[in-house]
Amino acid sequence: MKITALTTDAAVLGELGERLSRTRLERNLTQRELAAEAGVERKAIQRLEAGESVTLLSLIRILRALGLLEVLDGLVPEPTPSPIELLSLQGRRRRRASGARARGSGRRSQPGTWRWGDERPDASP
């Protein structure tokens, strides 16, 4: 059965229980063995496989014991930053290259002499 937005809560629980039961059986684990490995009571396994509600912590422990905990990452993906947040994370972008001055081959003013930087080459300080 495919779980969709129209599937009832009871049907989702039933389908989840059935899938976990099949996974447990494919791994040749008894409910008792899975419960011991997960650190939960056997009753939690029974309830989950019967389509009944269990605590979220029990579900996490059972999924971890079955090696399926990573699937939870796909259930609720990490939110992506908004475009405004992306811009603020990038910091200031360069708008111009520094050119020859950055390499040390450009002209420089005399030490202690301040210049605007837009003087003509023949202008003296």
PDB file of N, CA and C in Angstrom:
ATOM      1  N   MET A   1       0.853  -1.183   0.000  1.00  0.00           N
ATOM      2  CA  MET A   1       0.000   0.000   0.000  1.00  0.00           C
ATOM      3  C   MET A   1       0.890   1.234   0.000  1.00  0.00           C
ATOM      4  N   LYS A   2       0.520   2.193  -0.788  1.00  0.00           N
ATOM      5  CA  LYS A   2       1.247   3.452  -0.839  1.00  0.00           C
ATOM      6  C   LYS A   2       0.605   4.416   0.150  1.00  0.00           C
ATOM      7  N   ILE A   3       1.451   5.050   0.947  1.00  0.00           N
ATOM      8  CA  ILE A   3       0.964   6.028   1.925  1.00  0.00           C
ATOM      9  C   ILE A   3       0.895   7.386   1.243  1.00  0.00           C
ATOM     10  N   THR A   4      -0.283   7.986   1.278  1.00  0.00           N
ATOM     11  CA  THR A   4      -0.479   9.309   0.675  1.00  0.00           C
ATOM     12  C   THR A   4      -1.072  10.252   1.714  1.00  0.00           C
ATOM     13  N   ALA A   5      -1.293  11.475   1.314  1.00  0.00           N
ATOM     14  CA  ALA A   5      -1.888  12.460   2.217  1.00  0.00           C
ATOM     15  C   ALA A   5      -3.321  12.082   2.596  1.00  0.00           C
ATOM     16  N   LEU A   6      -3.967  11.288   1.769  1.00  0.00           N
ATOM     17  CA  LEU A   6      -5.348  10.887   2.034  1.00  0.00           C
ATOM     18  C   LEU A   6      -5.452   9.633   2.897  1.00  0.00           C
ATOM     19  N   THR A   7      -4.320   8.972   3.167  1.00  0.00           N
ATOM     20  CA  THR A   7      -4.342   7.760   3.980  1.00  0.00           C
ATOM     21  C   THR A   7      -4.649   8.126   5.429  1.00  0.00           C
ATOM     22  N   THR A   8      -5.543   7.371   6.048  1.00  0.00           N
ATOM     23  CA  THR A   8      -5.912   7.657   7.443  1.00  0.00           C
ATOM     24  C   THR A   8      -4.751   7.336   8.379  1.00  0.00           C
ATOM     25  N   ASP A   9      -4.811   7.909   9.563  1.00  0.00           N
ATOM     26  CA  ASP A   9      -3.772   7.656  10.564  1.00  0.00           C
ATOM     27  C   ASP A   9      -3.699   6.170  10.901  1.00  0.00           C
ATOM     28  N   ALA A  10      -4.852   5.550  11.072  1.00  0.00           N
ATOM     29  CA  ALA A  10      -4.889   4.129  11.406  1.00  0.00           C
ATOM     30  C   ALA A  10      -4.262   3.285  10.293  1.00  0.00           C
ATOM     31  N   ALA A  11      -4.530   3.661   9.036  1.00  0.00           N
ATOM     32  CA  ALA A  11      -3.963   2.925   7.910  1.00  0.00           C
ATOM     33  C   ALA A  11      -2.449   3.122   7.836  1.00  0.00           C
ATOM     34  N   VAL A  12      -1.979   4.316   8.153  1.00  0.00           N
ATOM     35  CA  VAL A  12      -0.540   4.578   8.161  1.00  0.00           C
ATOM     36  C   VAL A  12       0.136   3.730   9.234  1.00  0.00           C
ATOM     37  N   LEU A  13      -0.441   3.713  10.437  1.00  0.00           N
ATOM     38  CA  LEU A  13       0.114   2.899  11.518  1.00  0.00           C
ATOM     39  C   LEU A  13       0.131   1.420  11.132  1.00  0.00           C
ATOM     40  N   GLY A  14      -0.943   0.951  10.518  1.00  0.00           N
ATOM     41  CA  GLY A  14      -1.019  -0.444  10.093  1.00  0.00           C
ATOM     42  C   GLY A  14       0.036  -0.775   9.049  1.00  0.00           C
ATOM     43  N   GLU A  15       0.200   0.105   8.078  1.00  0.00           N
ATOM     44  CA  GLU A  15       1.193  -0.119   7.024  1.00  0.00           C
ATOM     45  C   GLU A  15       2.615  -0.077   7.581  1.00  0.00           C
ATOM     46  N   LEU A  16       2.865   0.871   8.464  1.00  0.00           N
ATOM     47  CA  LEU A  16       4.190   0.969   9.089  1.00  0.00           C
ATOM     48  C   LEU A  16       4.484  -0.297   9.900  1.00  0.00           C
ATOM     49  N   GLY A  17       3.520  -0.756  10.665  1.00  0.00           N
ATOM     50  CA  GLY A  17       3.687  -1.975  11.444  1.00  0.00           C
ATOM     51  C   GLY A  17       3.967  -3.180  10.569  1.00  0.00           C
ATOM     52  N   GLU A  18       3.231  -3.279   9.462  1.00  0.00           N
ATOM     53  CA  GLU A  18       3.421  -4.403   8.531  1.00  0.00           C
ATOM     54  C   GLU A  18       4.815  -4.362   7.915  1.00  0.00           C
ATOM     55  N   ARG A  19       5.252  -3.192   7.505  1.00  0.00           N
ATOM     56  CA  ARG A  19       6.584  -3.064   6.899  1.00  0.00           C
ATOM     57  C   ARG A  19       7.687  -3.412   7.892  1.00  0.00           C
ATOM     58  N   LEU A  20       7.547  -2.931   9.128  1.00  0.00           N
ATOM     59  CA  LEU A  20       8.564  -3.235  10.137  1.00  0.00           C
ATOM     60  C   LEU A  20       8.548  -4.720  10.497  1.00  0.00           C
ATOM     61  N   SER A  21       7.377  -5.317  10.521  1.00  0.00           N
ATOM     62  CA  SER A  21       7.266  -6.751  10.793  1.00  0.00           C
ATOM     63  C   SER A  21       7.978  -7.557   9.706  1.00  0.00           C
ATOM     64  N   ARG A  22       7.739  -7.206   8.433  1.00  0.00           N
ATOM     65  CA  ARG A  22       8.403  -7.898   7.331  1.00  0.00           C
ATOM     66  C   ARG A  22       9.912  -7.723   7.385  1.00  0.00           C
ATOM     67  N   THR A  23      10.361  -6.515   7.735  1.00  0.00           N
ATOM     68  CA  THR A  23      11.799  -6.252   7.849  1.00  0.00           C
ATOM     69  C   THR A  23      12.409  -7.107   8.953  1.00  0.00           C
ATOM     70  N   ARG A  24      11.738  -7.179  10.093  1.00  0.00           N
ATOM     71  CA  ARG A  24      12.221  -7.996  11.210  1.00  0.00           C
ATOM     72  C   ARG A  24      12.328  -9.455  10.801  1.00  0.00           C
ATOM     73  N   LEU A  25      11.296  -9.964  10.118  1.00  0.00           N
ATOM     74  CA  LEU A  25      11.292 -11.362   9.698  1.00  0.00           C
ATOM     75  C   LEU A  25      12.361 -11.639   8.641  1.00  0.00           C
ATOM     76  N   GLU A  26      12.593 -10.692   7.730  1.00  0.00           N
ATOM     77  CA  GLU A  26      13.648 -10.856   6.721  1.00  0.00           C
ATOM     78  C   GLU A  26      15.020 -10.963   7.379  1.00  0.00           C
ATOM     79  N   ARG A  27      15.175 -10.328   8.516  1.00  0.00           N
ATOM     80  CA  ARG A  27      16.453 -10.369   9.253  1.00  0.00           C
ATOM     81  C   ARG A  27      16.489 -11.520  10.251  1.00  0.00           C
ATOM     82  N   ASN A  28      15.432 -12.354  10.215  1.00  0.00           N
ATOM     83  CA  ASN A  28      15.340 -13.539  11.043  1.00  0.00           C
ATOM     84  C   ASN A  28      15.462 -13.211  12.532  1.00  0.00           C
ATOM     85  N   LEU A  29      14.762 -12.178  12.952  1.00  0.00           N
ATOM     86  CA  LEU A  29      14.742 -11.771  14.357  1.00  0.00           C
ATOM     87  C   LEU A  29      13.363 -12.051  14.947  1.00  0.00           C
ATOM     88  N   THR A  30      13.340 -12.543  16.170  1.00  0.00           N
ATOM     89  CA  THR A  30      12.073 -12.671  16.869  1.00  0.00           C
ATOM     90  C   THR A  30      11.744 -11.313  17.484  1.00  0.00           C
ATOM     91  N   GLN A  31      10.497 -11.150  17.877  1.00  0.00           N
ATOM     92  CA  GLN A  31      10.116  -9.906  18.548  1.00  0.00           C
ATOM     93  C   GLN A  31      10.935  -9.719  19.817  1.00  0.00           C
ATOM     94  N   ARG A  32      11.176 -10.812  20.526  1.00  0.00           N
ATOM     95  CA  ARG A  32      11.948 -10.753  21.774  1.00  0.00           C
ATOM     96  C   ARG A  32      13.388 -10.294  21.500  1.00  0.00           C
ATOM     97  N   GLU A  33      13.999 -10.843  20.438  1.00  0.00           N
ATOM     98  CA  GLU A  33      15.380 -10.463  20.094  1.00  0.00           C
ATOM     99  C   GLU A  33      15.469  -8.997  19.676  1.00  0.00           C
ATOM    100  N   LEU A  34      14.512  -8.572  18.860  1.00  0.00           N
ATOM    101  CA  LEU A  34      14.502  -7.178  18.429  1.00  0.00           C
ATOM    102  C   LEU A  34      14.294  -6.248  19.614  1.00  0.00           C
ATOM    103  N   ALA A  35      13.396  -6.611  20.499  1.00  0.00           N
ATOM    104  CA  ALA A  35      13.135  -5.790  21.679  1.00  0.00           C
ATOM    105  C   ALA A  35      14.391  -5.666  22.542  1.00  0.00           C
ATOM    106  N   ALA A  36      15.107  -6.767  22.721  1.00  0.00           N
ATOM    107  CA  ALA A  36      16.328  -6.739  23.525  1.00  0.00           C
ATOM    108  C   ALA A  36      17.390  -5.879  22.855  1.00  0.00           C
ATOM    109  N   GLU A  37      17.520  -6.004  21.545  1.00  0.00           N
ATOM    110  CA  GLU A  37      18.513  -5.223  20.810  1.00  0.00           C
ATOM    111  C   GLU A  37      18.166  -3.732  20.809  1.00  0.00           C
ATOM    112  N   ALA A  38      16.880  -3.433  20.733  1.00  0.00           N
ATOM    113  CA  ALA A  38      16.433  -2.035  20.692  1.00  0.00           C
ATOM    114  C   ALA A  38      16.350  -1.407  22.079  1.00  0.00           C
ATOM    115  N   GLY A  39      16.306  -2.246  23.112  1.00  0.00           N
ATOM    116  CA  GLY A  39      16.184  -1.706  24.463  1.00  0.00           C
ATOM    117  C   GLY A  39      14.770  -1.262  24.787  1.00  0.00           C
ATOM    118  N   VAL A  40      13.800  -1.942  24.200  1.00  0.00           N
ATOM    119  CA  VAL A  40      12.393  -1.649  24.482  1.00  0.00           C
ATOM    120  C   VAL A  40      11.719  -2.936  24.936  1.00  0.00           C
ATOM    121  N   GLU A  41      10.516  -2.809  25.456  1.00  0.00           N
ATOM    122  CA  GLU A  41       9.773  -4.002  25.852  1.00  0.00           C
ATOM    123  C   GLU A  41       9.228  -4.707  24.611  1.00  0.00           C
ATOM    124  N   ARG A  42       9.044  -6.013  24.727  1.00  0.00           N
ATOM    125  CA  ARG A  42       8.482  -6.781  23.617  1.00  0.00           C
ATOM    126  C   ARG A  42       7.091  -6.276  23.267  1.00  0.00           C
ATOM    127  N   LYS A  43       6.384  -5.790  24.252  1.00  0.00           N
ATOM    128  CA  LYS A  43       5.038  -5.269  24.030  1.00  0.00           C
ATOM    129  C   LYS A  43       5.063  -4.095  23.041  1.00  0.00           C
ATOM    130  N   ALA A  44       6.130  -3.298  23.060  1.00  0.00           N
ATOM    131  CA  ALA A  44       6.245  -2.174  22.116  1.00  0.00           C
ATOM    132  C   ALA A  44       6.343  -2.695  20.691  1.00  0.00           C
ATOM    133  N   ILE A  45       7.109  -3.760  20.492  1.00  0.00           N
ATOM    134  CA  ILE A  45       7.219  -4.372  19.159  1.00  0.00           C
ATOM    135  C   ILE A  45       5.866  -4.922  18.729  1.00  0.00           C
ATOM    136  N   GLN A  46       5.203  -5.603  19.629  1.00  0.00           N
ATOM    137  CA  GLN A  46       3.890  -6.173  19.321  1.00  0.00           C
ATOM    138  C   GLN A  46       2.909  -5.068  18.931  1.00  0.00           C
ATOM    139  N   ARG A  47       2.886  -4.013  19.715  1.00  0.00           N
ATOM    140  CA  ARG A  47       1.947  -2.923  19.429  1.00  0.00           C
ATOM    141  C   ARG A  47       2.252  -2.272  18.081  1.00  0.00           C
ATOM    142  N   LEU A  48       3.530  -2.012  17.822  1.00  0.00           N
ATOM    143  CA  LEU A  48       3.909  -1.364  16.569  1.00  0.00           C
ATOM    144  C   LEU A  48       3.526  -2.235  15.376  1.00  0.00           C
ATOM    145  N   GLU A  49       3.830  -3.517  15.459  1.00  0.00           N
ATOM    146  CA  GLU A  49       3.513  -4.415  14.344  1.00  0.00           C
ATOM    147  C   GLU A  49       2.010  -4.639  14.181  1.00  0.00           C
ATOM    148  N   ALA A  50       1.249  -4.417  15.241  1.00  0.00           N
ATOM    149  CA  ALA A  50      -0.205  -4.549  15.167  1.00  0.00           C
ATOM    150  C   ALA A  50      -0.873  -3.271  14.677  1.00  0.00           C
ATOM    151  N   GLY A  51      -0.071  -2.251  14.402  1.00  0.00           N
ATOM    152  CA  GLY A  51      -0.630  -0.994  13.904  1.00  0.00           C
ATOM    153  C   GLY A  51      -1.117  -0.081  14.999  1.00  0.00           C
ATOM    154  N   GLU A  52      -0.641  -0.319  16.197  1.00  0.00           N
ATOM    155  CA  GLU A  52      -1.020   0.540  17.324  1.00  0.00           C
ATOM    156  C   GLU A  52       0.071   1.581  17.551  1.00  0.00           C
ATOM    157  N   SER A  53      -0.275   2.577  18.329  1.00  0.00           N
ATOM    158  CA  SER A  53       0.646   3.679  18.589  1.00  0.00           C
ATOM    159  C   SER A  53       1.700   3.282  19.620  1.00  0.00           C
ATOM    160  N   VAL A  54       2.931   3.742  19.403  1.00  0.00           N
ATOM    161  CA  VAL A  54       4.018   3.583  20.369  1.00  0.00           C
ATOM    162  C   VAL A  54       4.685   4.950  20.525  1.00  0.00           C
ATOM    163  N   THR A  55       5.544   5.058  21.529  1.00  0.00           N
ATOM    164  CA  THR A  55       6.218   6.341  21.714  1.00  0.00           C
ATOM    165  C   THR A  55       7.230   6.560  20.594  1.00  0.00           C
ATOM    166  N   LEU A  56       7.523   7.799  20.351  1.00  0.00           N
ATOM    167  CA  LEU A  56       8.503   8.143  19.325  1.00  0.00           C
ATOM    168  C   LEU A  56       9.869   7.584  19.692  1.00  0.00           C
ATOM    169  N   LEU A  57      10.220   7.613  20.963  1.00  0.00           N
ATOM    170  CA  LEU A  57      11.499   7.078  21.410  1.00  0.00           C
ATOM    171  C   LEU A  57      11.596   5.583  21.121  1.00  0.00           C
ATOM    172  N   SER A  58      10.511   4.851  21.339  1.00  0.00           N
ATOM    173  CA  SER A  58      10.513   3.416  21.027  1.00  0.00           C
ATOM    174  C   SER A  58      10.709   3.190  19.534  1.00  0.00           C
ATOM    175  N   LEU A  59      10.026   3.976  18.718  1.00  0.00           N
ATOM    176  CA  LEU A  59      10.167   3.852  17.265  1.00  0.00           C
ATOM    177  C   LEU A  59      11.608   4.127  16.843  1.00  0.00           C
ATOM    178  N   ILE A  60      12.214   5.160  17.404  1.00  0.00           N
ATOM    179  CA  ILE A  60      13.606   5.493  17.069  1.00  0.00           C
ATOM    180  C   ILE A  60      14.533   4.340  17.439  1.00  0.00           C
ATOM    181  N   ARG A  61      14.339   3.773  18.616  1.00  0.00           N
ATOM    182  CA  ARG A  61      15.183   2.661  19.060  1.00  0.00           C
ATOM    183  C   ARG A  61      15.004   1.432  18.175  1.00  0.00           C
ATOM    184  N   ILE A  62      13.771   1.164  17.775  1.00  0.00           N
ATOM    185  CA  ILE A  62      13.501   0.006  16.912  1.00  0.00           C
ATOM    186  C   ILE A  62      14.114   0.224  15.535  1.00  0.00           C
ATOM    187  N   LEU A  63      13.949   1.411  14.987  1.00  0.00           N
ATOM    188  CA  LEU A  63      14.546   1.710  13.683  1.00  0.00           C
ATOM    189  C   LEU A  63      16.071   1.595  13.744  1.00  0.00           C
ATOM    190  N   ARG A  64      16.667   2.083  14.835  1.00  0.00           N
ATOM    191  CA  ARG A  64      18.124   1.982  14.990  1.00  0.00           C
ATOM    192  C   ARG A  64      18.546   0.514  15.033  1.00  0.00           C
ATOM    193  N   ALA A  65      17.831  -0.311  15.784  1.00  0.00           N
ATOM    194  CA  ALA A  65      18.169  -1.733  15.888  1.00  0.00           C
ATOM    195  C   ALA A  65      18.047  -2.443  14.545  1.00  0.00           C
ATOM    196  N   LEU A  66      17.122  -1.993  13.712  1.00  0.00           N
ATOM    197  CA  LEU A  66      16.939  -2.595  12.382  1.00  0.00           C
ATOM    198  C   LEU A  66      17.863  -1.975  11.331  1.00  0.00           C
ATOM    199  N   GLY A  67      18.642  -0.970  11.723  1.00  0.00           N
ATOM    200  CA  GLY A  67      19.534  -0.303  10.777  1.00  0.00           C
ATOM    201  C   GLY A  67      18.807   0.633   9.839  1.00  0.00           C
ATOM    202  N   LEU A  68      17.659   1.138  10.268  1.00  0.00           N
ATOM    203  CA  LEU A  68      16.834   2.002   9.416  1.00  0.00           C
ATOM    204  C   LEU A  68      16.717   3.437   9.929  1.00  0.00           C
ATOM    205  N   LEU A  69      17.524   3.810  10.897  1.00  0.00           N
ATOM    206  CA  LEU A  69      17.374   5.134  11.493  1.00  0.00           C
ATOM    207  C   LEU A  69      17.610   6.255  10.482  1.00  0.00           C
ATOM    208  N   GLU A  70      18.463   6.020   9.505  1.00  0.00           N
ATOM    209  CA  GLU A  70      18.777   7.048   8.513  1.00  0.00           C
ATOM    210  C   GLU A  70      17.565   7.467   7.683  1.00  0.00           C
ATOM    211  N   VAL A  71      16.547   6.598   7.597  1.00  0.00           N
ATOM    212  CA  VAL A  71      15.376   6.950   6.799  1.00  0.00           C
ATOM    213  C   VAL A  71      14.611   8.122   7.401  1.00  0.00           C
ATOM    214  N   LEU A  72      14.799   8.355   8.709  1.00  0.00           N
ATOM    215  CA  LEU A  72      14.120   9.491   9.337  1.00  0.00           C
ATOM    216  C   LEU A  72      14.611  10.820   8.786  1.00  0.00           C
ATOM    217  N   ASP A  73      15.848  10.843   8.305  1.00  0.00           N
ATOM    218  CA  ASP A  73      16.395  12.082   7.747  1.00  0.00           C
ATOM    219  C   ASP A  73      15.609  12.523   6.513  1.00  0.00           C
ATOM    220  N   GLY A  74      15.097  11.563   5.762  1.00  0.00           N
ATOM    221  CA  GLY A  74      14.315  11.898   4.572  1.00  0.00           C
ATOM    222  C   GLY A  74      12.874  12.281   4.887  1.00  0.00           C
ATOM    223  N   LEU A  75      12.392  11.923   6.072  1.00  0.00           N
ATOM    224  CA  LEU A  75      11.004  12.239   6.423  1.00  0.00           C
ATOM    225  C   LEU A  75      10.778  13.727   6.586  1.00  0.00           C
ATOM    226  N   VAL A  76      11.671  14.368   7.295  1.00  0.00           N
ATOM    227  CA  VAL A  76      11.568  15.807   7.515  1.00  0.00           C
ATOM    228  C   VAL A  76      12.913  16.410   7.120  1.00  0.00           C
ATOM    229  N   PRO A  77      13.048  16.819   5.866  1.00  0.00           N
ATOM    230  CA  PRO A  77      14.341  17.336   5.417  1.00  0.00           C
ATOM    231  C   PRO A  77      14.716  18.616   6.162  1.00  0.00           C
ATOM    232  N   GLU A  78      16.010  18.819   6.268  1.00  0.00           N
ATOM    233  CA  GLU A  78      16.508  20.023   6.915  1.00  0.00           C
ATOM    234  C   GLU A  78      16.086  21.230   6.084  1.00  0.00           C
ATOM    235  N   PRO A  79      15.555  22.274   6.726  1.00  0.00           N
ATOM    236  CA  PRO A  79      15.102  23.438   5.954  1.00  0.00           C
ATOM    237  C   PRO A  79      16.265  24.122   5.248  1.00  0.00           C
ATOM    238  N   THR A  80      15.999  24.553   4.024  1.00  0.00           N
ATOM    239  CA  THR A  80      17.027  25.270   3.280  1.00  0.00           C
ATOM    240  C   THR A  80      16.932  26.759   3.613  1.00  0.00           C
ATOM    241  N   PRO A  81      18.066  27.453   3.600  1.00  0.00           N
ATOM    242  CA  PRO A  81      18.027  28.876   3.920  1.00  0.00           C
ATOM    243  C   PRO A  81      17.275  29.667   2.840  1.00  0.00           C
ATOM    244  N   SER A  82      16.637  30.735   3.266  1.00  0.00           N
ATOM    245  CA  SER A  82      15.930  31.598   2.324  1.00  0.00           C
ATOM    246  C   SER A  82      16.953  32.351   1.477  1.00  0.00           C
ATOM    247  N   PRO A  83      16.536  32.934   0.357  1.00  0.00           N
ATOM    248  CA  PRO A  83      17.477  33.699  -0.463  1.00  0.00           C
ATOM    249  C   PRO A  83      18.158  34.826   0.309  1.00  0.00           C
ATOM    250  N   ILE A  84      17.444  35.467   1.208  1.00  0.00           N
ATOM    251  CA  ILE A  84      18.042  36.537   2.011  1.00  0.00           C
ATOM    252  C   ILE A  84      19.116  35.965   2.926  1.00  0.00           C
ATOM    253  N   GLU A  85      18.843  34.806   3.542  1.00  0.00           N
ATOM    254  CA  GLU A  85      19.831  34.169   4.407  1.00  0.00           C
ATOM    255  C   GLU A  85      21.054  33.743   3.611  1.00  0.00           C
ATOM    256  N   LEU A  86      20.845  33.258   2.391  1.00  0.00           N
ATOM    257  CA  LEU A  86      21.974  32.869   1.547  1.00  0.00           C
ATOM    258  C   LEU A  86      22.875  34.061   1.259  1.00  0.00           C
ATOM    259  N   LEU A  87      22.268  35.202   0.980  1.00  0.00           N
ATOM    260  CA  LEU A  87      23.070  36.402   0.722  1.00  0.00           C
ATOM    261  C   LEU A  87      23.871  36.810   1.947  1.00  0.00           C
ATOM    262  N   SER A  88      23.255  36.751   3.119  1.00  0.00           N
ATOM    263  CA  SER A  88      23.974  37.160   4.320  1.00  0.00           C
ATOM    264  C   SER A  88      25.069  36.158   4.674  1.00  0.00           C
ATOM    265  N   LEU A  89      24.893  34.891   4.307  1.00  0.00           N
ATOM    266  CA  LEU A  89      25.925  33.894   4.574  1.00  0.00           C
ATOM    267  C   LEU A  89      27.132  34.076   3.667  1.00  0.00           C
ATOM    268  N   GLN A  90      26.915  34.635   2.494  1.00  0.00           N
ATOM    269  CA  GLN A  90      28.010  34.814   1.547  1.00  0.00           C
ATOM    270  C   GLN A  90      28.911  35.977   1.921  1.00  0.00           C
ATOM    271  N   GLY A  91      28.420  36.886   2.714  1.00  0.00           N
ATOM    272  CA  GLY A  91      29.230  38.052   3.047  1.00  0.00           C
ATOM    273  C   GLY A  91      29.283  39.013   1.865  1.00  0.00           C
ATOM    274  N   ARG A  92      30.231  39.924   1.926  1.00  0.00           N
ATOM    275  CA  ARG A  92      30.355  40.890   0.830  1.00  0.00           C
ATOM    276  C   ARG A  92      31.059  40.247  -0.342  1.00  0.00           C
ATOM    277  N   ARG A  93      30.473  40.389  -1.506  1.00  0.00           N
ATOM    278  CA  ARG A  93      31.095  39.876  -2.721  1.00  0.00           C
ATOM    279  C   ARG A  93      32.032  40.936  -3.282  1.00  0.00           C
ATOM    280  N   ARG A  94      33.108  40.482  -3.873  1.00  0.00           N
ATOM    281  CA  ARG A  94      34.030  41.406  -4.526  1.00  0.00           C
ATOM    282  C   ARG A  94      33.351  41.979  -5.754  1.00  0.00           C
ATOM    283  N   ARG A  95      33.556  43.252  -5.956  1.00  0.00           N
ATOM    284  CA  ARG A  95      32.980  43.897  -7.131  1.00  0.00           C
ATOM    285  C   ARG A  95      34.060  44.296  -8.140  1.00  0.00           C
ATOM    286  N   ARG A  96      35.311  44.428  -7.656  1.00  0.00           N
ATOM    287  CA  ARG A  96      36.409  44.796  -8.546  1.00  0.00           C
ATOM    288  C   ARG A  96      37.640  43.985  -8.183  1.00  0.00           C
ATOM    289  N   ALA A  97      38.489  43.815  -9.167  1.00  0.00           N
ATOM    290  CA  ALA A  97      39.787  43.192  -8.907  1.00  0.00           C
ATOM    291  C   ALA A  97      40.737  44.271  -8.437  1.00  0.00           C
ATOM    292  N   SER A  98      41.693  43.922  -7.618  1.00  0.00           N
ATOM    293  CA  SER A  98      42.627  44.912  -7.103  1.00  0.00           C
ATOM    294  C   SER A  98      43.726  45.215  -8.109  1.00  0.00           C
ATOM    295  N   GLY A  99      43.904  44.373  -9.083  1.00  0.00           N
ATOM    296  CA  GLY A  99      44.849  44.649 -10.154  1.00  0.00           C
ATOM    297  C   GLY A  99      46.292  44.568  -9.709  1.00  0.00           C
ATOM    298  N   ALA A 100      47.134  45.405 -10.325  1.00  0.00           N
ATOM    299  CA  ALA A 100      48.576  45.350 -10.126  1.00  0.00           C
ATOM    300  C   ALA A 100      48.982  45.725  -8.704  1.00  0.00           C
ATOM    301  N   ARG A 101      48.267  46.590  -8.049  1.00  0.00           N
ATOM    302  CA  ARG A 101      48.654  47.021  -6.706  1.00  0.00           C
ATOM    303  C   ARG A 101      48.737  45.852  -5.740  1.00  0.00           C
ATOM    304  N   ALA A 102      47.868  44.899  -5.888  1.00  0.00           N
ATOM    305  CA  ALA A 102      47.871  43.761  -4.977  1.00  0.00           C
ATOM    306  C   ALA A 102      49.137  42.929  -5.144  1.00  0.00           C
ATOM    307  N   ARG A 103      49.707  42.954  -6.345  1.00  0.00           N
ATOM    308  CA  ARG A 103      50.928  42.182  -6.595  1.00  0.00           C
ATOM    309  C   ARG A 103      52.178  42.993  -6.275  1.00  0.00           C
ATOM    310  N   GLY A 104      52.024  44.263  -5.963  1.00  0.00           N
ATOM    311  CA  GLY A 104      53.167  45.086  -5.575  1.00  0.00           C
ATOM    312  C   GLY A 104      53.852  45.781  -6.728  1.00  0.00           C
ATOM    313  N   SER A 105      53.306  45.713  -7.942  1.00  0.00           N
ATOM    314  CA  SER A 105      53.972  46.333  -9.079  1.00  0.00           C
ATOM    315  C   SER A 105      53.386  47.697  -9.421  1.00  0.00           C
ATOM    316  N   GLY A 106      52.382  48.128  -8.690  1.00  0.00           N
ATOM    317  CA  GLY A 106      51.751  49.419  -8.983  1.00  0.00           C
ATOM    318  C   GLY A 106      52.530  50.566  -8.363  1.00  0.00           C
ATOM    319  N   ARG A 107      52.156  51.819  -8.733  1.00  0.00           N
ATOM    320  CA  ARG A 107      52.863  52.964  -8.172  1.00  0.00           C
ATOM    321  C   ARG A 107      52.355  53.225  -6.769  1.00  0.00           C
ATOM    322  N   ARG A 108      53.215  53.703  -5.935  1.00  0.00           N
ATOM    323  CA  ARG A 108      52.852  53.977  -4.553  1.00  0.00           C
ATOM    324  C   ARG A 108      53.287  55.383  -4.203  1.00  0.00           C
ATOM    325  N   SER A 109      52.628  55.955  -3.246  1.00  0.00           N
ATOM    326  CA  SER A 109      53.010  57.288  -2.796  1.00  0.00           C
ATOM    327  C   SER A 109      54.184  57.170  -1.841  1.00  0.00           C
ATOM    328  N   GLN A 110      54.834  58.271  -1.606  1.00  0.00           N
ATOM    329  CA  GLN A 110      55.958  58.311  -0.671  1.00  0.00           C
ATOM    330  C   GLN A 110      55.456  57.977   0.724  1.00  0.00           C
ATOM    331  N   PRO A 111      56.303  57.315   1.551  1.00  0.00           N
ATOM    332  CA  PRO A 111      55.887  57.019   2.919  1.00  0.00           C
ATOM    333  C   PRO A 111      55.501  58.296   3.653  1.00  0.00           C
ATOM    334  N   GLY A 112      54.389  58.276   4.350  1.00  0.00           N
ATOM    335  CA  GLY A 112      53.925  59.425   5.104  1.00  0.00           C
ATOM    336  C   GLY A 112      53.118  60.404   4.282  1.00  0.00           C
ATOM    337  N   THR A 113      53.037  60.191   2.969  1.00  0.00           N
ATOM    338  CA  THR A 113      52.264  61.072   2.104  1.00  0.00           C
ATOM    339  C   THR A 113      50.952  60.397   1.777  1.00  0.00           C
ATOM    340  N   TRP A 114      49.883  61.123   2.056  1.00  0.00           N
ATOM    341  CA  TRP A 114      48.565  60.547   1.779  1.00  0.00           C
ATOM    342  C   TRP A 114      48.080  61.059   0.444  1.00  0.00           C
ATOM    343  N   ARG A 115      47.469  60.151  -0.357  1.00  0.00           N
ATOM    344  CA  ARG A 115      46.945  60.548  -1.665  1.00  0.00           C
ATOM    345  C   ARG A 115      45.571  59.947  -1.843  1.00  0.00           C
ATOM    346  N   TRP A 116      44.763  60.577  -2.644  1.00  0.00           N
ATOM    347  CA  TRP A 116      43.433  60.069  -2.952  1.00  0.00           C
ATOM    348  C   TRP A 116      43.504  58.816  -3.795  1.00  0.00           C
ATOM    349  N   GLY A 117      44.445  58.732  -4.671  1.00  0.00           N
ATOM    350  CA  GLY A 117      44.560  57.566  -5.543  1.00  0.00           C
ATOM    351  C   GLY A 117      44.052  57.829  -6.932  1.00  0.00           C
ATOM    352  N   ASP A 118      43.466  58.997  -7.170  1.00  0.00           N
ATOM    353  CA  ASP A 118      42.973  59.271  -8.528  1.00  0.00           C
ATOM    354  C   ASP A 118      43.757  60.431  -9.157  1.00  0.00           C
ATOM    355  N   GLU A 119      44.965  60.707  -8.641  1.00  0.00           N
ATOM    356  CA  GLU A 119      45.779  61.776  -9.202  1.00  0.00           C
ATOM    357  C   GLU A 119      46.365  61.338 -10.541  1.00  0.00           C
ATOM    358  N   ARG A 120      46.658  62.309 -11.351  1.00  0.00           N
ATOM    359  CA  ARG A 120      47.310  62.029 -12.630  1.00  0.00           C
ATOM    360  C   ARG A 120      48.759  61.672 -12.337  1.00  0.00           C
ATOM    361  N   PRO A 121      49.376  60.847 -13.203  1.00  0.00           N
ATOM    362  CA  PRO A 121      50.748  60.443 -12.957  1.00  0.00           C
ATOM    363  C   PRO A 121      51.723  61.620 -12.879  1.00  0.00           C
ATOM    364  N   ASP A 122      51.422  62.741 -13.605  1.00  0.00           N
ATOM    365  CA  ASP A 122      52.363  63.864 -13.611  1.00  0.00           C
ATOM    366  C   ASP A 122      52.084  64.847 -12.454  1.00  0.00           C
ATOM    367  N   ALA A 123      51.022  64.611 -11.681  1.00  0.00           N
ATOM    368  CA  ALA A 123      50.707  65.525 -10.585  1.00  0.00           C
ATOM    369  C   ALA A 123      51.613  65.225  -9.411  1.00  0.00           C
ATOM    370  N   SER A 124      52.133  66.272  -8.770  1.00  0.00           N
ATOM    371  CA  SER A 124      53.032  66.056  -7.628  1.00  0.00           C
ATOM    372  C   SER A 124      52.274  66.313  -6.344  1.00  0.00           C
ATOM    373  N   PRO A 125      52.676  65.679  -5.263  1.00  0.00           N
ATOM    374  CA  PRO A 125      51.950  65.818  -3.998  1.00  0.00           C
ATOM    375  C   PRO A 125      52.177  67.142  -3.321  1.00  0.00           C
TER     376      PRO A 125
END
